[in-house]
Structures are given as structure tokens and as C-alpha cells.
Amino acid sequence: MSKRELVRLHREAILEAARSLGAERIRLFGSVARGDDDDHSDVDFIVKMHPEMDVFDLVDLKDRLQTILGCPVDVLTEHPWMRERLRLAIEEAAVEP
């Protein structure tokens, strides 16, 4: 099973994990979203955090997503101070899980 299929299979658990920690939105980006991932690829998510979420919630979310998917996960947060080029690249590639 591909990692993209794995994300689709566990979509509700992913969304619930994000919601339970106060994330306002979670999206998939990177190689898994593009469909050019390989066995060594992690799964990249970008999260719009509720203002009350903190770094501990972010770490908890990453741990939960890794447990749900059974593979390495990276989680970035949306920030207004994110480099414009990076933000645009992610926005262009991001998809709903």
C-alpha cells in the first residue's frame, strides 16, 4: 500500500488527531501529496494551529500521526513569517488528507 493510500485509509483518524489538539486545518504536501514518494520518504503535513496550541501540542500531533500511519511524519505550521517562496510552494502542492 502506498503512503498516499495509507493517508486516505486513516483520513478520519488524522483529522480527529489534529482537531483534538486544536488544529484548525491540516493538509498533506511534499512527495506523498505529489505521488513521487519512495520507501524512504516521510509524510509531510502542514497545520494551521489555533492560537492556543503550543509546541507541545505540535509534538504530540506529530507523535499521534506517526502512530496512526506507522511511518515517519514531519509537521510544519503555517506562519505569516514563513519564507514567501516556501509558503507558495507548499500552498501550491498542499492537498487535503
C-alpha atoms as a PDB file:
ATOM      1  CA  MET A   1       0.000   0.000   0.000  1.00  0.00           C
ATOM      2  CA  SER A   2       1.355   3.439  -0.902  1.00  0.00           C
ATOM      3  CA  LYS A   3       1.730   6.126   1.738  1.00  0.00           C
ATOM      4  CA  ARG A   4      -0.925   8.208  -0.026  1.00  0.00           C
ATOM      5  CA  GLU A   5      -3.330   5.262   0.218  1.00  0.00           C
ATOM      6  CA  LEU A   6      -2.356   4.883   3.875  1.00  0.00           C
ATOM      7  CA  VAL A   7      -3.212   8.547   4.484  1.00  0.00           C
ATOM      8  CA  ARG A   8      -6.575   8.099   2.725  1.00  0.00           C
ATOM      9  CA  LEU A   9      -7.319   4.972   4.746  1.00  0.00           C
ATOM     10  CA  HIS A  10      -6.639   6.793   8.020  1.00  0.00           C
ATOM     11  CA  ARG A  11      -8.073  10.168   6.984  1.00  0.00           C
ATOM     12  CA  GLU A  12     -10.662  10.388   9.771  1.00  0.00           C
ATOM     13  CA  ALA A  13      -8.124   9.433  12.466  1.00  0.00           C
ATOM     14  CA  ILE A  14      -5.698  12.059  11.107  1.00  0.00           C
ATOM     15  CA  LEU A  15      -8.367  14.761  11.123  1.00  0.00           C
ATOM     16  CA  GLU A  16      -9.535  13.781  14.606  1.00  0.00           C
ATOM     17  CA  ALA A  17      -5.978  13.831  15.993  1.00  0.00           C
ATOM     18  CA  ALA A  18      -5.486  17.316  14.565  1.00  0.00           C
ATOM     19  CA  ARG A  19      -8.851  18.598  15.819  1.00  0.00           C
ATOM     20  CA  SER A  20      -8.383  17.137  19.287  1.00  0.00           C
ATOM     21  CA  LEU A  21      -5.221  19.196  19.737  1.00  0.00           C
ATOM     22  CA  GLY A  22      -6.783  22.389  18.409  1.00  0.00           C
ATOM     23  CA  ALA A  23      -5.525  22.436  14.829  1.00  0.00           C
ATOM     24  CA  GLU A  24      -7.791  24.488  12.586  1.00  0.00           C
ATOM     25  CA  ARG A  25      -6.646  22.767   9.378  1.00  0.00           C
ATOM     26  CA  ILE A  26      -4.245  20.006   8.359  1.00  0.00           C
ATOM     27  CA  ARG A  27      -3.057  19.345   4.815  1.00  0.00           C
ATOM     28  CA  LEU A  28      -0.669  16.963   3.123  1.00  0.00           C
ATOM     29  CA  PHE A  29       2.219  18.218   0.979  1.00  0.00           C
ATOM     30  CA  GLY A  30       5.566  17.023  -0.315  1.00  0.00           C
ATOM     31  CA  SER A  31       6.429  13.821  -2.128  1.00  0.00           C
ATOM     32  CA  VAL A  32       3.450  11.824  -0.816  1.00  0.00           C
ATOM     33  CA  ALA A  33       1.000  14.502  -1.991  1.00  0.00           C
ATOM     34  CA  ARG A  34       2.726  14.643  -5.386  1.00  0.00           C
ATOM     35  CA  GLY A  35       2.803  10.848  -5.672  1.00  0.00           C
ATOM     36  CA  ASP A  36       6.568  10.628  -6.154  1.00  0.00           C
ATOM     37  CA  ASP A  37       7.447   9.301  -2.703  1.00  0.00           C
ATOM     38  CA  ASP A  38       9.588   6.219  -2.149  1.00  0.00           C
ATOM     39  CA  ASP A  39      10.250   3.807   0.704  1.00  0.00           C
ATOM     40  CA  HIS A  40      12.458   6.381   2.440  1.00  0.00           C
ATOM     41  CA  SER A  41      10.009   9.283   2.208  1.00  0.00           C
ATOM     42  CA  ASP A  42       8.297  10.664   5.259  1.00  0.00           C
ATOM     43  CA  VAL A  43       4.765  12.051   5.198  1.00  0.00           C
ATOM     44  CA  ASP A  44       4.669  15.863   5.311  1.00  0.00           C
ATOM     45  CA  PHE A  45       1.769  17.746   6.858  1.00  0.00           C
ATOM     46  CA  ILE A  46       1.198  21.459   7.289  1.00  0.00           C
ATOM     47  CA  VAL A  47      -1.065  22.573  10.116  1.00  0.00           C
ATOM     48  CA  LYS A  48      -2.876  25.810  10.814  1.00  0.00           C
ATOM     49  CA  MET A  49      -2.645  25.996  14.571  1.00  0.00           C
ATOM     50  CA  HIS A  50      -5.250  27.507  16.848  1.00  0.00           C
ATOM     51  CA  PRO A  51      -3.641  30.408  18.757  1.00  0.00           C
ATOM     52  CA  GLU A  52      -3.819  28.393  21.983  1.00  0.00           C
ATOM     53  CA  MET A  53      -1.844  25.457  20.534  1.00  0.00           C
ATOM     54  CA  ASP A  54       1.764  25.346  21.639  1.00  0.00           C
ATOM     55  CA  VAL A  55       4.905  23.472  20.658  1.00  0.00           C
ATOM     56  CA  PHE A  56       3.993  20.579  22.967  1.00  0.00           C
ATOM     57  CA  ASP A  57       0.692  20.123  21.117  1.00  0.00           C
ATOM     58  CA  LEU A  58       2.617  20.127  17.841  1.00  0.00           C
ATOM     59  CA  VAL A  59       4.994  17.418  19.102  1.00  0.00           C
ATOM     60  CA  ASP A  60       2.010  15.437  20.392  1.00  0.00           C
ATOM     61  CA  LEU A  61       0.337  15.732  16.982  1.00  0.00           C
ATOM     62  CA  LYS A  62       3.463  14.505  15.221  1.00  0.00           C
ATOM     63  CA  ASP A  63       3.663  11.510  17.575  1.00  0.00           C
ATOM     64  CA  ARG A  64      -0.022  10.677  17.062  1.00  0.00           C
ATOM     65  CA  LEU A  65       0.281  10.888  13.276  1.00  0.00           C
ATOM     66  CA  GLN A  66       3.330   8.614  13.290  1.00  0.00           C
ATOM     67  CA  THR A  67       1.418   6.112  15.412  1.00  0.00           C
ATOM     68  CA  ILE A  68      -1.629   6.266  13.129  1.00  0.00           C
ATOM     69  CA  LEU A  69       0.385   5.876   9.927  1.00  0.00           C
ATOM     70  CA  GLY A  70       3.217   3.695  11.223  1.00  0.00           C
ATOM     71  CA  CYS A  71       5.858   5.718   9.375  1.00  0.00           C
ATOM     72  CA  PRO A  72       7.936   8.887   9.845  1.00  0.00           C
ATOM     73  CA  VAL A  73       5.999  12.156   9.717  1.00  0.00           C
ATOM     74  CA  ASP A  74       7.010  15.819   9.555  1.00  0.00           C
ATOM     75  CA  VAL A  75       4.644  18.555  10.674  1.00  0.00           C
ATOM     76  CA  LEU A  76       5.110  22.207   9.741  1.00  0.00           C
ATOM     77  CA  THR A  77       2.957  25.056  10.954  1.00  0.00           C
ATOM     78  CA  GLU A  78       1.515  27.868   8.886  1.00  0.00           C
ATOM     79  CA  HIS A  79       3.096  31.149   9.968  1.00  0.00           C
ATOM     80  CA  PRO A  80       2.848  34.608   8.474  1.00  0.00           C
ATOM     81  CA  TRP A  81       6.629  34.920   8.765  1.00  0.00           C
ATOM     82  CA  MET A  82       7.280  31.751   6.755  1.00  0.00           C
ATOM     83  CA  ARG A  83       9.508  32.468   3.779  1.00  0.00           C
ATOM     84  CA  GLU A  84       7.328  33.515   0.885  1.00  0.00           C
ATOM     85  CA  ARG A  85       8.889  31.071  -1.561  1.00  0.00           C
ATOM     86  CA  LEU A  86       8.392  28.132   0.812  1.00  0.00           C
ATOM     87  CA  ARG A  87       4.853  29.195   1.664  1.00  0.00           C
ATOM     88  CA  LEU A  88       3.903  29.478  -2.015  1.00  0.00           C
ATOM     89  CA  ALA A  89       5.447  26.101  -2.865  1.00  0.00           C
ATOM     90  CA  ILE A  90       3.554  24.419  -0.036  1.00  0.00           C
ATOM     91  CA  GLU A  91       0.284  26.206  -0.872  1.00  0.00           C
ATOM     92  CA  GLU A  92       0.581  25.089  -4.477  1.00  0.00           C
ATOM     93  CA  ALA A  93       1.194  21.445  -3.557  1.00  0.00           C
ATOM     94  CA  ALA A  94      -0.907  21.008  -0.398  1.00  0.00           C
ATOM     95  CA  VAL A  95      -3.932  18.713  -0.537  1.00  0.00           C
ATOM     96  CA  GLU A  96      -6.494  17.546   1.966  1.00  0.00           C
ATOM     97  CA  PRO A  97      -5.543  14.240   3.595  1.00  0.00           C
END
